[in-house]
Structure formats: C-alpha cells, structure tokens
PDB file of N, CA and C in Angstrom:
ATOM      1  N   UNK A   1      11.774  24.222  10.040  1.00  0.00           N
ATOM      2  CA  UNK A   1      12.324  23.119   9.336  1.00  0.00           C
ATOM      3  C   UNK A   1      11.720  23.262   7.998  1.00  0.00           C
ATOM      4  N   UNK A   2      12.321  22.878   6.945  1.00  0.00           N
ATOM      5  CA  UNK A   2      11.842  22.895   5.304  1.00  0.00           C
ATOM      6  C   UNK A   2      11.193  21.622   5.127  1.00  0.00           C
ATOM      7  N   UNK A   3      10.420  21.746   4.053  1.00  0.00           N
ATOM      8  CA  UNK A   3       9.774  20.610   3.560  1.00  0.00           C
ATOM      9  C   UNK A   3      10.802  19.497   3.024  1.00  0.00           C
ATOM     10  N   UNK A   4      11.914  20.112   2.553  1.00  0.00           N
ATOM     11  CA  UNK A   4      12.976  19.001   1.994  1.00  0.00           C
ATOM     12  C   UNK A   4      13.646  18.201   3.042  1.00  0.00           C
ATOM     13  N   UNK A   5      13.762  18.802   4.196  1.00  0.00           N
ATOM     14  CA  UNK A   5      14.475  17.983   5.304  1.00  0.00           C
ATOM     15  C   UNK A   5      13.260  17.017   5.811  1.00  0.00           C
ATOM     16  N   UNK A   6      12.050  17.535   5.869  1.00  0.00           N
ATOM     17  CA  UNK A   6      10.987  16.267   6.396  1.00  0.00           C
ATOM     18  C   UNK A   6      10.947  15.360   5.114  1.00  0.00           C
ATOM     19  N   UNK A   7      10.953  15.453   4.000  1.00  0.00           N
ATOM     20  CA  UNK A   7      10.914  14.562   3.066  1.00  0.00           C
ATOM     21  C   UNK A   7      11.981  13.469   3.082  1.00  0.00           C
ATOM     22  N   UNK A   8      13.062  14.105   3.430  1.00  0.00           N
ATOM     23  CA  UNK A   8      14.487  13.194   3.565  1.00  0.00           C
ATOM     24  C   UNK A   8      14.203  12.433   4.802  1.00  0.00           C
ATOM     25  N   UNK A   9      13.720  12.959   5.942  1.00  0.00           N
ATOM     26  CA  UNK A   9      13.676  12.081   6.937  1.00  0.00           C
ATOM     27  C   UNK A   9      12.585  11.073   6.973  1.00  0.00           C
ATOM     28  N   UNK A  10      11.310  11.455   6.093  1.00  0.00           N
ATOM     29  CA  UNK A  10      10.324  10.333   5.959  1.00  0.00           C
ATOM     30  C   UNK A  10      10.609   9.338   4.990  1.00  0.00           C
ATOM     31  N   UNK A  11      11.548   9.786   3.860  1.00  0.00           N
ATOM     32  CA  UNK A  11      12.253   8.713   3.051  1.00  0.00           C
ATOM     33  C   UNK A  11      13.084   7.765   4.020  1.00  0.00           C
ATOM     34  N   UNK A  12      13.952   8.250   4.552  1.00  0.00           N
ATOM     35  CA  UNK A  12      14.945   7.449   5.115  1.00  0.00           C
ATOM     36  C   UNK A  12      14.167   6.422   6.106  1.00  0.00           C
ATOM     37  N   UNK A  13      13.216   6.949   7.018  1.00  0.00           N
ATOM     38  CA  UNK A  13      12.544   6.148   8.013  1.00  0.00           C
ATOM     39  C   UNK A  13      11.820   5.241   7.064  1.00  0.00           C
ATOM     40  N   UNK A  14      11.211   5.441   6.103  1.00  0.00           N
ATOM     41  CA  UNK A  14      10.494   4.712   5.193  1.00  0.00           C
ATOM     42  C   UNK A  14      11.456   3.400   4.652  1.00  0.00           C
ATOM     43  N   UNK A  15      12.512   3.676   4.315  1.00  0.00           N
ATOM     44  CA  UNK A  15      13.621   2.865   3.816  1.00  0.00           C
ATOM     45  C   UNK A  15      14.053   1.888   5.042  1.00  0.00           C
ATOM     46  N   UNK A  16      14.273   2.465   6.145  1.00  0.00           N
ATOM     47  CA  UNK A  16      14.561   1.595   7.487  1.00  0.00           C
ATOM     48  C   UNK A  16      13.683   0.683   7.621  1.00  0.00           C
ATOM     49  N   UNK A  17      12.350   1.006   7.613  1.00  0.00           N
ATOM     50  CA  UNK A  17      11.076   0.043   7.912  1.00  0.00           C
ATOM     51  C   UNK A  17      11.061  -0.972   6.978  1.00  0.00           C
ATOM     52  N   UNK A  18      11.323  -0.731   5.585  1.00  0.00           N
ATOM     53  CA  UNK A  18      11.439  -1.810   4.506  1.00  0.00           C
ATOM     54  C   UNK A  18      12.538  -2.448   4.895  1.00  0.00           C
ATOM     55  N   UNK A  19      13.579  -2.041   5.155  1.00  0.00           N
ATOM     56  CA  UNK A  19      14.768  -2.961   5.375  1.00  0.00           C
ATOM     57  C   UNK A  19      14.295  -3.880   6.651  1.00  0.00           C
ATOM     58  N   UNK A  20      13.866  -3.471   7.824  1.00  0.00           N
ATOM     59  CA  UNK A  20      13.595  -4.462   8.548  1.00  0.00           C
ATOM     60  C   UNK A  20      12.479  -5.502   8.071  1.00  0.00           C
ATOM     61  N   UNK A  21      11.344  -5.198   7.532  1.00  0.00           N
ATOM     62  CA  UNK A  21      10.596  -6.152   7.060  1.00  0.00           C
ATOM     63  C   UNK A  21      11.286  -7.047   6.201  1.00  0.00           C
ATOM     64  N   UNK A  22      12.142  -6.634   5.421  1.00  0.00           N
ATOM     65  CA  UNK A  22      12.600  -7.617   4.337  1.00  0.00           C
ATOM     66  C   UNK A  22      13.888  -8.410   5.032  1.00  0.00           C
ATOM     67  N   UNK A  23      14.438  -7.942   6.113  1.00  0.00           N
ATOM     68  CA  UNK A  23      15.198  -8.775   7.055  1.00  0.00           C
ATOM     69  C   UNK A  23      14.513  -9.803   7.558  1.00  0.00           C
ATOM     70  N   UNK A  24      13.670  -9.503   8.224  1.00  0.00           N
ATOM     71  CA  UNK A  24      12.679 -10.442   8.731  1.00  0.00           C
ATOM     72  C   UNK A  24      12.108 -11.636   7.803  1.00  0.00           C
ATOM     73  N   UNK A  25      11.898 -11.308   6.659  1.00  0.00           N
ATOM     74  CA  UNK A  25      11.613 -12.392   5.634  1.00  0.00           C
ATOM     75  C   UNK A  25      13.023 -13.089   5.170  1.00  0.00           C
ATOM     76  N   UNK A  26      13.908 -12.516   5.039  1.00  0.00           N
ATOM     77  CA  UNK A  26      15.158 -13.119   4.867  1.00  0.00           C
ATOM     78  C   UNK A  26      15.608 -14.076   5.922  1.00  0.00           C
ATOM     79  N   UNK A  27      15.545 -13.603   7.027  1.00  0.00           N
ATOM     80  CA  UNK A  27      15.939 -14.401   8.243  1.00  0.00           C
ATOM     81  C   UNK A  27      15.023 -15.712   8.460  1.00  0.00           C
ATOM     82  N   UNK A  28      13.836 -15.482   8.073  1.00  0.00           N
ATOM     83  CA  UNK A  28      12.832 -16.519   8.094  1.00  0.00           C
ATOM     84  C   UNK A  28      13.205 -17.701   7.233  1.00  0.00           C
ATOM     85  N   UNK A  29      13.293 -17.364   5.891  1.00  0.00           N
ATOM     86  CA  UNK A  29      13.473 -18.081   4.899  1.00  0.00           C
ATOM     87  C   UNK A  29      14.917 -18.853   5.069  1.00  0.00           C
ATOM     88  N   UNK A  30      16.096 -18.195   5.646  1.00  0.00           N
ATOM     89  CA  UNK A  30      17.076 -18.796   5.569  1.00  0.00           C
ATOM     90  C   UNK A  30      17.526 -19.640   6.854  1.00  0.00           C
ATOM     91  N   UNK A  31      17.386 -18.735   7.809  1.00  0.00           N
ATOM     92  CA  UNK A  31      17.630 -19.496   9.310  1.00  0.00           C
ATOM     93  C   UNK A  31      16.429 -20.431   9.938  1.00  0.00           C
ATOM     94  N   UNK A  32      15.249 -19.755  10.193  1.00  0.00           N
ATOM     95  CA  UNK A  32      14.150 -20.691  10.761  1.00  0.00           C
ATOM     96  C   UNK A  32      13.877 -21.649   9.657  1.00  0.00           C
ATOM     97  N   UNK A  33      14.000 -21.587   8.290  1.00  0.00           N
ATOM     98  CA  UNK A  33      13.615 -22.807   7.419  1.00  0.00           C
ATOM     99  C   UNK A  33      14.467 -23.937   7.746  1.00  0.00           C
ATOM    100  N   UNK A  34      15.824 -23.558   8.023  1.00  0.00           N
ATOM    101  CA  UNK A  34      16.800 -24.819   8.112  1.00  0.00           C
ATOM    102  C   UNK A  34      16.742 -25.388   9.654  1.00  0.00           C
ATOM    103  N   UNK A  35      16.326 -24.696  10.455  1.00  0.00           N
ATOM    104  CA  UNK A  35      16.369 -25.234  11.848  1.00  0.00           C
ATOM    105  C   UNK A  35      15.046 -25.761  12.356  1.00  0.00           C
ATOM    106  N   UNK A  36      13.796 -25.112  11.863  1.00  0.00           N
ATOM    107  CA  UNK A  36      12.688 -25.376  12.271  1.00  0.00           C
ATOM    108  C   UNK A  36      11.603 -25.268  11.131  1.00  0.00           C
ATOM    109  N   UNK A  37      11.557 -26.709  10.189  1.00  0.00           N
ATOM    110  CA  UNK A  37      11.069 -26.723   8.896  1.00  0.00           C
ATOM    111  C   UNK A  37       9.609 -26.479   9.223  1.00  0.00           C
ATOM    112  N   UNK A  38       8.857 -26.800  10.310  1.00  0.00           N
ATOM    113  CA  UNK A  38       7.702 -26.858  10.681  1.00  0.00           C
ATOM    114  C   UNK A  38       6.918 -25.474  10.882  1.00  0.00           C
ATOM    115  N   UNK A  39       7.796 -24.493  10.989  1.00  0.00           N
ATOM    116  CA  UNK A  39       7.616 -23.194  11.600  1.00  0.00           C
ATOM    117  C   UNK A  39       7.795 -22.214  10.525  1.00  0.00           C
ATOM    118  N   UNK A  40       8.610 -22.414   9.625  1.00  0.00           N
ATOM    119  CA  UNK A  40       9.172 -21.510   8.746  1.00  0.00           C
ATOM    120  C   UNK A  40       8.032 -20.866   7.861  1.00  0.00           C
ATOM    121  N   UNK A  41       7.149 -21.783   7.195  1.00  0.00           N
ATOM    122  CA  UNK A  41       6.278 -21.192   6.063  1.00  0.00           C
ATOM    123  C   UNK A  41       5.206 -19.909   6.572  1.00  0.00           C
ATOM    124  N   UNK A  42       4.554 -20.485   7.859  1.00  0.00           N
ATOM    125  CA  UNK A  42       3.701 -19.191   8.205  1.00  0.00           C
ATOM    126  C   UNK A  42       4.285 -17.982   8.716  1.00  0.00           C
ATOM    127  N   UNK A  43       5.546 -18.290   9.053  1.00  0.00           N
ATOM    128  CA  UNK A  43       6.502 -16.934   9.332  1.00  0.00           C
ATOM    129  C   UNK A  43       6.670 -16.285   8.146  1.00  0.00           C
ATOM    130  N   UNK A  44       7.195 -16.995   7.093  1.00  0.00           N
ATOM    131  CA  UNK A  44       7.788 -16.274   5.752  1.00  0.00           C
ATOM    132  C   UNK A  44       6.612 -15.708   5.099  1.00  0.00           C
ATOM    133  N   UNK A  45       5.264 -16.438   5.113  1.00  0.00           N
ATOM    134  CA  UNK A  45       4.109 -15.640   4.547  1.00  0.00           C
ATOM    135  C   UNK A  45       3.641 -14.520   5.226  1.00  0.00           C
ATOM    136  N   UNK A  46       3.860 -14.490   6.615  1.00  0.00           N
ATOM    137  CA  UNK A  46       3.467 -13.359   7.335  1.00  0.00           C
ATOM    138  C   UNK A  46       4.480 -12.252   7.144  1.00  0.00           C
ATOM    139  N   UNK A  47       5.722 -12.368   7.116  1.00  0.00           N
ATOM    140  CA  UNK A  47       6.760 -11.288   6.723  1.00  0.00           C
ATOM    141  C   UNK A  47       6.719 -11.084   5.445  1.00  0.00           C
ATOM    142  N   UNK A  48       6.330 -11.844   4.427  1.00  0.00           N
ATOM    143  CA  UNK A  48       5.903 -11.297   2.987  1.00  0.00           C
ATOM    144  C   UNK A  48       4.797 -10.501   2.816  1.00  0.00           C
ATOM    145  N   UNK A  49       3.712 -10.582   3.523  1.00  0.00           N
ATOM    146  CA  UNK A  49       2.385 -10.035   3.595  1.00  0.00           C
ATOM    147  C   UNK A  49       2.934  -8.587   4.290  1.00  0.00           C
ATOM    148  N   UNK A  50       3.549  -8.616   5.553  1.00  0.00           N
ATOM    149  CA  UNK A  50       3.821  -7.268   5.919  1.00  0.00           C
ATOM    150  C   UNK A  50       4.724  -6.397   5.141  1.00  0.00           C
ATOM    151  N   UNK A  51       5.634  -6.937   4.313  1.00  0.00           N
ATOM    152  CA  UNK A  51       6.389  -6.301   3.212  1.00  0.00           C
ATOM    153  C   UNK A  51       5.664  -5.798   2.321  1.00  0.00           C
ATOM    154  N   UNK A  52       4.726  -6.639   1.565  1.00  0.00           N
ATOM    155  CA  UNK A  52       3.664  -6.333   0.494  1.00  0.00           C
ATOM    156  C   UNK A  52       2.942  -5.169   1.130  1.00  0.00           C
ATOM    157  N   UNK A  53       2.513  -5.157   2.104  1.00  0.00           N
ATOM    158  CA  UNK A  53       1.575  -4.234   2.893  1.00  0.00           C
ATOM    159  C   UNK A  53       2.316  -2.875   2.918  1.00  0.00           C
ATOM    160  N   UNK A  54       3.473  -2.899   3.491  1.00  0.00           N
ATOM    161  CA  UNK A  54       4.407  -1.648   3.505  1.00  0.00           C
ATOM    162  C   UNK A  54       4.536  -0.942   2.355  1.00  0.00           C
ATOM    163  N   UNK A  55       4.941  -1.837   1.095  1.00  0.00           N
ATOM    164  CA  UNK A  55       5.225  -1.490  -0.140  1.00  0.00           C
ATOM    165  C   UNK A  55       3.912  -0.648  -0.854  1.00  0.00           C
ATOM    166  N   UNK A  56       2.839  -1.421  -0.507  1.00  0.00           N
ATOM    167  CA  UNK A  56       1.565  -0.890  -1.222  1.00  0.00           C
ATOM    168  C   UNK A  56       0.977   0.351  -0.724  1.00  0.00           C
ATOM    169  N   UNK A  57       1.224   0.440   0.748  1.00  0.00           N
ATOM    170  CA  UNK A  57       0.689   1.822   1.349  1.00  0.00           C
ATOM    171  C   UNK A  57       1.754   2.780   0.868  1.00  0.00           C
ATOM    172  N   UNK A  58       3.021   2.661   0.745  1.00  0.00           N
ATOM    173  CA  UNK A  58       4.131   3.655   0.389  1.00  0.00           C
ATOM    174  C   UNK A  58       3.837   4.160  -0.955  1.00  0.00           C
ATOM    175  N   UNK A  59       3.378   3.113  -1.800  1.00  0.00           N
ATOM    176  CA  UNK A  59       3.280   3.604  -3.178  1.00  0.00           C
ATOM    177  C   UNK A  59       2.034   4.444  -3.344  1.00  0.00           C
ATOM    178  N   UNK A  60       0.941   4.080  -2.577  1.00  0.00           N
ATOM    179  CA  UNK A  60      -0.292   4.547  -2.731  1.00  0.00           C
ATOM    180  C   UNK A  60      -0.281   6.067  -2.100  1.00  0.00           C
ATOM    181  N   UNK A  61       0.586   6.266  -1.143  1.00  0.00           N
ATOM    182  CA  UNK A  61       0.817   7.376  -0.528  1.00  0.00           C
ATOM    183  C   UNK A  61       1.514   8.537  -1.315  1.00  0.00           C
ATOM    184  N   UNK A  62       2.291   8.015  -2.301  1.00  0.00           N
ATOM    185  CA  UNK A  62       2.720   8.990  -3.310  1.00  0.00           C
ATOM    186  C   UNK A  62       1.764   9.228  -4.415  1.00  0.00           C
ATOM    187  N   UNK A  63       1.201   8.021  -4.835  1.00  0.00           N
ATOM    188  CA  UNK A  63       0.474   7.992  -6.169  1.00  0.00           C
ATOM    189  C   UNK A  63      -0.869   8.688  -5.996  1.00  0.00           C
ATOM    190  N   UNK A  64      -1.598   8.320  -4.982  1.00  0.00           N
ATOM    191  CA  UNK A  64      -2.981   8.706  -4.747  1.00  0.00           C
ATOM    192  C   UNK A  64      -3.012  10.254  -4.512  1.00  0.00           C
ATOM    193  N   UNK A  65      -2.245  11.239  -4.030  1.00  0.00           N
ATOM    194  CA  UNK A  65      -2.590  12.487  -4.357  1.00  0.00           C
ATOM    195  C   UNK A  65      -2.350  13.013  -5.581  1.00  0.00           C
ATOM    196  N   UNK A  66      -1.495  12.399  -6.477  1.00  0.00           N
ATOM    197  CA  UNK A  66      -1.151  12.862  -7.699  1.00  0.00           C
ATOM    198  C   UNK A  66      -2.205  12.567  -8.568  1.00  0.00           C
ATOM    199  N   UNK A  67      -2.753  11.145  -8.372  1.00  0.00           N
ATOM    200  CA  UNK A  67      -3.757  10.977  -9.216  1.00  0.00           C
ATOM    201  C   UNK A  67      -5.233  11.794  -8.935  1.00  0.00           C
ATOM    202  N   UNK A  68      -5.530  12.056  -7.606  1.00  0.00           N
ATOM    203  CA  UNK A  68      -6.824  12.770  -7.493  1.00  0.00           C
ATOM    204  C   UNK A  68      -6.543  14.281  -7.899  1.00  0.00           C
ATOM    205  N   UNK A  69      -5.412  14.880  -7.745  1.00  0.00           N
ATOM    206  CA  UNK A  69      -5.283  16.012  -8.343  1.00  0.00           C
ATOM    207  C   UNK A  69      -5.272  16.164  -9.659  1.00  0.00           C
ATOM    208  N   UNK A  70      -4.742  15.259 -10.648  1.00  0.00           N
ATOM    209  CA  UNK A  70      -4.841  15.392 -11.827  1.00  0.00           C
ATOM    210  C   UNK A  70      -6.313  14.999 -12.424  1.00  0.00           C
ATOM    211  N   UNK A  71      -7.051  14.399 -11.488  1.00  0.00           N
ATOM    212  CA  UNK A  71      -8.358  14.095 -12.043  1.00  0.00           C
ATOM    213  C   UNK A  71      -9.187  14.976 -11.776  1.00  0.00           C
ATOM    214  N   UNK A  72      -8.786  16.086 -10.668  1.00  0.00           N
ATOM    215  CA  UNK A  72      -9.603  17.082 -10.361  1.00  0.00           C
ATOM    216  C   UNK A  72     -10.882  16.735  -9.677  1.00  0.00           C
ATOM    217  N   UNK A  73     -10.863  15.403  -9.032  1.00  0.00           N
ATOM    218  CA  UNK A  73     -11.973  14.973  -7.987  1.00  0.00           C
ATOM    219  C   UNK A  73     -12.018  15.480  -6.618  1.00  0.00           C
ATOM    220  N   UNK A  74     -10.946  16.096  -6.309  1.00  0.00           N
ATOM    221  CA  UNK A  74     -10.966  16.753  -4.988  1.00  0.00           C
ATOM    222  C   UNK A  74     -10.631  15.971  -3.786  1.00  0.00           C
ATOM    223  N   UNK A  75     -10.693  16.632  -2.731  1.00  0.00           N
ATOM    224  CA  UNK A  75     -10.563  15.839  -1.482  1.00  0.00           C
ATOM    225  C   UNK A  75     -11.420  14.702  -1.071  1.00  0.00           C
ATOM    226  N   UNK A  76     -12.673  14.679  -1.612  1.00  0.00           N
ATOM    227  CA  UNK A  76     -13.568  13.421  -1.215  1.00  0.00           C
ATOM    228  C   UNK A  76     -13.146  12.299  -1.936  1.00  0.00           C
ATOM    229  N   UNK A  77     -12.528  12.186  -3.004  1.00  0.00           N
ATOM    230  CA  UNK A  77     -11.949  10.967  -3.821  1.00  0.00           C
ATOM    231  C   UNK A  77     -10.646  10.779  -3.158  1.00  0.00           C
ATOM    232  N   UNK A  78      -9.778  11.769  -2.654  1.00  0.00           N
ATOM    233  CA  UNK A  78      -8.562  11.435  -1.840  1.00  0.00           C
ATOM    234  C   UNK A  78      -8.957  10.585  -0.749  1.00  0.00           C
ATOM    235  N   UNK A  79      -9.731  10.946   0.108  1.00  0.00           N
ATOM    236  CA  UNK A  79     -10.150  10.486   1.412  1.00  0.00           C
ATOM    237  C   UNK A  79     -10.677   8.960   1.018  1.00  0.00           C
ATOM    238  N   UNK A  80     -11.606   8.914   0.115  1.00  0.00           N
ATOM    239  CA  UNK A  80     -12.158   7.579  -0.313  1.00  0.00           C
ATOM    240  C   UNK A  80     -11.061   6.580  -0.501  1.00  0.00           C
ATOM    241  N   UNK A  81     -10.181   6.921  -1.257  1.00  0.00           N
ATOM    242  CA  UNK A  81      -8.954   6.198  -2.000  1.00  0.00           C
ATOM    243  C   UNK A  81      -8.011   5.860  -0.971  1.00  0.00           C
ATOM    244  N   UNK A  82      -7.864   6.630   0.011  1.00  0.00           N
ATOM    245  CA  UNK A  82      -7.111   6.555   1.256  1.00  0.00           C
ATOM    246  C   UNK A  82      -7.885   5.397   2.260  1.00  0.00           C
ATOM    247  N   UNK A  83      -9.198   5.807   2.370  1.00  0.00           N
ATOM    248  CA  UNK A  83      -9.808   4.930   3.231  1.00  0.00           C
ATOM    249  C   UNK A  83      -9.863   3.245   2.594  1.00  0.00           C
ATOM    250  N   UNK A  84      -9.955   3.226   1.480  1.00  0.00           N
ATOM    251  CA  UNK A  84      -9.916   1.771   1.014  1.00  0.00           C
ATOM    252  C   UNK A  84      -8.523   1.338   1.072  1.00  0.00           C
ATOM    253  N   UNK A  85      -7.416   1.932   0.669  1.00  0.00           N
ATOM    254  CA  UNK A  85      -6.272   1.419   0.986  1.00  0.00           C
ATOM    255  C   UNK A  85      -6.094   0.927   2.536  1.00  0.00           C
ATOM    256  N   UNK A  86      -6.367   1.768   3.433  1.00  0.00           N
ATOM    257  CA  UNK A  86      -6.384   1.625   4.847  1.00  0.00           C
ATOM    258  C   UNK A  86      -7.110   0.092   5.274  1.00  0.00           C
ATOM    259  N   UNK A  87      -8.286   0.133   4.664  1.00  0.00           N
ATOM    260  CA  UNK A  87      -9.003  -1.130   4.923  1.00  0.00           C
ATOM    261  C   UNK A  87      -8.188  -2.338   4.451  1.00  0.00           C
ATOM    262  N   UNK A  88      -7.729  -2.322   3.132  1.00  0.00           N
ATOM    263  CA  UNK A  88      -7.024  -3.544   2.474  1.00  0.00           C
ATOM    264  C   UNK A  88      -5.778  -3.570   3.408  1.00  0.00           C
ATOM    265  N   UNK A  89      -5.185  -2.586   3.612  1.00  0.00           N
ATOM    266  CA  UNK A  89      -3.808  -2.611   4.514  1.00  0.00           C
ATOM    267  C   UNK A  89      -4.057  -3.267   5.894  1.00  0.00           C
ATOM    268  N   UNK A  90      -5.142  -2.865   6.488  1.00  0.00           N
ATOM    269  CA  UNK A  90      -5.510  -3.437   7.669  1.00  0.00           C
ATOM    270  C   UNK A  90      -5.815  -4.842   7.918  1.00  0.00           C
ATOM    271  N   UNK A  91      -6.550  -5.385   6.624  1.00  0.00           N
ATOM    272  CA  UNK A  91      -6.751  -6.849   6.674  1.00  0.00           C
ATOM    273  C   UNK A  91      -5.504  -7.415   6.330  1.00  0.00           C
ATOM    274  N   UNK A  92      -4.647  -7.039   5.433  1.00  0.00           N
ATOM    275  CA  UNK A  92      -3.452  -7.471   4.955  1.00  0.00           C
ATOM    276  C   UNK A  92      -2.389  -7.912   6.421  1.00  0.00           C
ATOM    277  N   UNK A  93      -2.236  -6.721   7.124  1.00  0.00           N
ATOM    278  CA  UNK A  93      -1.522  -6.889   8.093  1.00  0.00           C
ATOM    279  C   UNK A  93      -1.855  -7.719   9.251  1.00  0.00           C
ATOM    280  N   UNK A  94      -3.361  -7.830   9.396  1.00  0.00           N
ATOM    281  CA  UNK A  94      -4.175  -8.497  10.408  1.00  0.00           C
ATOM    282  C   UNK A  94      -3.960 -10.103  10.051  1.00  0.00           C
ATOM    283  N   UNK A  95      -3.982 -10.506   8.678  1.00  0.00           N
ATOM    284  CA  UNK A  95      -3.787 -11.674   8.522  1.00  0.00           C
ATOM    285  C   UNK A  95      -2.179 -12.166   8.696  1.00  0.00           C
ATOM    286  N   UNK A  96      -1.250 -11.254   8.277  1.00  0.00           N
ATOM    287  CA  UNK A  96       0.024 -11.274   8.117  1.00  0.00           C
ATOM    288  C   UNK A  96       0.584 -11.726   9.778  1.00  0.00           C
ATOM    289  N   UNK A  97      -0.188 -10.809  10.785  1.00  0.00           N
ATOM    290  CA  UNK A  97       0.124 -11.088  12.465  1.00  0.00           C
ATOM    291  C   UNK A  97      -0.307 -12.326  12.763  1.00  0.00           C
ATOM    292  N   UNK A  98      -1.509 -12.957  12.278  1.00  0.00           N
ATOM    293  CA  UNK A  98      -2.086 -14.196  12.542  1.00  0.00           C
ATOM    294  C   UNK A  98      -1.162 -15.047  12.055  1.00  0.00           C
ATOM    295  N   UNK A  99      -0.615 -15.413  10.824  1.00  0.00           N
ATOM    296  CA  UNK A  99       0.467 -16.149  10.159  1.00  0.00           C
ATOM    297  C   UNK A  99       1.628 -16.048  11.215  1.00  0.00           C
ATOM    298  N   UNK A 100       2.286 -14.970  11.560  1.00  0.00           N
ATOM    299  CA  UNK A 100       3.369 -14.738  12.435  1.00  0.00           C
ATOM    300  C   UNK A 100       3.212 -15.395  13.606  1.00  0.00           C
ATOM    301  N   UNK A 101       2.075 -15.241  14.314  1.00  0.00           N
ATOM    302  CA  UNK A 101       1.479 -15.790  15.892  1.00  0.00           C
ATOM    303  C   UNK A 101       1.669 -17.401  15.540  1.00  0.00           C
ATOM    304  N   UNK A 102       1.127 -17.780  14.625  1.00  0.00           N
ATOM    305  CA  UNK A 102       0.942 -19.508  14.328  1.00  0.00           C
ATOM    306  C   UNK A 102       2.640 -19.789  14.232  1.00  0.00           C
ATOM    307  N   UNK A 103       3.398 -19.130  13.621  1.00  0.00           N
ATOM    308  CA  UNK A 103       4.716 -19.547  13.479  1.00  0.00           C
ATOM    309  C   UNK A 103       5.425 -19.505  14.839  1.00  0.00           C
ATOM    310  N   UNK A 104       5.102 -18.517  15.358  1.00  0.00           N
ATOM    311  CA  UNK A 104       5.732 -18.196  16.870  1.00  0.00           C
ATOM    312  C   UNK A 104       5.337 -19.271  17.617  1.00  0.00           C
ATOM    313  N   UNK A 105       4.028 -19.817  17.719  1.00  0.00           N
ATOM    314  CA  UNK A 105       3.514 -20.938  18.459  1.00  0.00           C
ATOM    315  C   UNK A 105       4.140 -22.237  18.073  1.00  0.00           C
ATOM    316  N   UNK A 106       4.314 -22.349  16.820  1.00  0.00           N
ATOM    317  CA  UNK A 106       5.055 -23.639  16.249  1.00  0.00           C
ATOM    318  C   UNK A 106       6.595 -23.616  17.059  1.00  0.00           C
ATOM    319  N   UNK A 107       7.194 -22.492  16.721  1.00  0.00           N
ATOM    320  CA  UNK A 107       8.678 -22.409  17.362  1.00  0.00           C
ATOM    321  C   UNK A 107       8.768 -22.675  18.834  1.00  0.00           C
ATOM    322  N   UNK A 108       7.730 -21.987  19.597  1.00  0.00           N
ATOM    323  CA  UNK A 108       7.557 -22.446  21.171  1.00  0.00           C
ATOM    324  C   UNK A 108       7.294 -23.832  21.528  1.00  0.00           C
ATOM    325  N   UNK A 109       6.500 -24.554  20.576  1.00  0.00           N
ATOM    326  CA  UNK A 109       6.379 -25.732  20.779  1.00  0.00           C
ATOM    327  C   UNK A 109       7.496 -27.033  20.310  1.00  0.00           C
ATOM    328  N   UNK A 110       7.591 -27.974  21.131  1.00  0.00           N
ATOM    329  CA  UNK A 110       8.604 -28.835  20.675  1.00  0.00           C
ATOM    330  C   UNK A 110       8.647 -29.294  19.279  1.00  0.00           C
ATOM    331  N   UNK A 111       9.780 -29.356  18.717  1.00  0.00           N
ATOM    332  CA  UNK A 111       9.663 -29.944  17.307  1.00  0.00           C
ATOM    333  C   UNK A 111       8.975 -31.036  16.977  1.00  0.00           C
ATOM    334  N   UNK A 112       8.198 -31.287  16.003  1.00  0.00           N
ATOM    335  CA  UNK A 112       7.541 -32.406  15.591  1.00  0.00           C
ATOM    336  C   UNK A 112       8.355 -33.652  15.169  1.00  0.00           C
ATOM    337  N   UNK A 113       8.484 -34.718  15.510  1.00  0.00           N
ATOM    338  CA  UNK A 113       9.255 -35.954  15.172  1.00  0.00           C
ATOM    339  C   UNK A 113       9.071 -36.073  13.582  1.00  0.00           C
ATOM    340  N   UNK A 114      10.006 -36.429  12.863  1.00  0.00           N
ATOM    341  CA  UNK A 114       9.707 -36.715  11.452  1.00  0.00           C
ATOM    342  C   UNK A 114      10.202 -38.198  11.243  1.00  0.00           C
ATOM    343  N   UNK A 115       9.529 -39.015  11.834  1.00  0.00           N
ATOM    344  CA  UNK A 115      10.048 -40.461  11.741  1.00  0.00           C
ATOM    345  C   UNK A 115       9.186 -41.165  10.518  1.00  0.00           C
ATOM    346  N   UNK A 116       9.733 -41.397   9.613  1.00  0.00           N
ATOM    347  CA  UNK A 116       9.065 -42.029   8.226  1.00  0.00           C
ATOM    348  C   UNK A 116       8.853 -43.436   8.340  1.00  0.00           C
ATOM    349  N   UNK A 117       9.481 -43.959   9.325  1.00  0.00           N
ATOM    350  CA  UNK A 117       9.163 -45.515   9.431  1.00  0.00           C
ATOM    351  C   UNK A 117       8.189 -45.951  10.293  1.00  0.00           C
ATOM    352  N   UNK A 118       7.324 -44.930  10.564  1.00  0.00           N
ATOM    353  CA  UNK A 118       6.087 -45.227  11.512  1.00  0.00           C
ATOM    354  C   UNK A 118       4.955 -45.467  10.657  1.00  0.00           C
ATOM    355  N   UNK A 119       4.221 -46.617  11.053  1.00  0.00           N
ATOM    356  CA  UNK A 119       3.081 -47.207  10.564  1.00  0.00           C
ATOM    357  C   UNK A 119       1.843 -46.071  10.853  1.00  0.00           C
ATOM    358  N   UNK A 120       1.079 -45.952   9.787  1.00  0.00           N
ATOM    359  CA  UNK A 120      -0.057 -44.925  10.094  1.00  0.00           C
ATOM    360  C   UNK A 120      -0.951 -45.391  11.289  1.00  0.00           C
ATOM    361  N   UNK A 121      -1.046 -44.366  12.044  1.00  0.00           N
ATOM    362  CA  UNK A 121      -1.998 -44.461  13.407  1.00  0.00           C
ATOM    363  C   UNK A 121      -0.985 -44.744  14.614  1.00  0.00           C
ATOM    364  N   UNK A 122       0.382 -44.920  14.489  1.00  0.00           N
ATOM    365  CA  UNK A 122       1.323 -45.030  15.603  1.00  0.00           C
ATOM    366  C   UNK A 122       1.700 -43.713  15.995  1.00  0.00           C
ATOM    367  N   UNK A 123       1.546 -43.501  17.287  1.00  0.00           N
ATOM    368  CA  UNK A 123       2.056 -42.000  17.778  1.00  0.00           C
ATOM    369  C   UNK A 123       3.094 -42.229  18.723  1.00  0.00           C
TER     370      UNK A 123
END
C-alpha cells in the first residue's frame, strides 16, 4: 500500500474522531442542557476539553516533525516535544473524563428540585 493511501485513511479517521467529539459537545449543550440543567455543565466542559485535546494533539503531530527538522535539532528534540504534548494531553483528557463522570453521576441521580419558594434551611 502507498503512503498516500495511508495518509488518506489517517486523515479520514481523524476527521471522524473530531466529528464524534464535536457531536458529543453539541448534544450536551443542546439536549442535556434543556433536560438536565444540573448535569450539562460538567459534561460540556469535559466534551470541550476532549475536543481541544484532540485538536492539540493532531496539530502537534503535523507541526512537530516539521519544526524539529527545520531547526536541525534531531530526534531528541522531537521525542522531547512529543513527550511534553503527551503529558499535557494526558492531563487534559484525564480532567475531561473526571468532568464527564461527574455529569454522568448527576444524570444518574434524581433531578434536584428547584423550588424557589423554600426558606433557607428547609429541605
């Protein structure tokens, strides 16, 4: 198989993954927000972070090899940059999944009553 075919497959798969993350964010902001206002914000933040993490890693995977080859710094700089992006991306995606789990737990819990006529301290 040729490198061109591999590049097309890789780009298509990356596009599909981006569409999935973006769809998760859009559904969270439109559907979950209207039905469960107590759960949408952590889910939307998590979906947004996952989308940002994906875009960051995708851009760096394209730009980092070009930058290190133009600087002439060699493979050591490439691997150092790749490691730094992996550490940042892992922290971003870990935090995103914590937010998503918080939102899922809120969805699984009964909705909070929003009674504005309650006196403070009444439960």
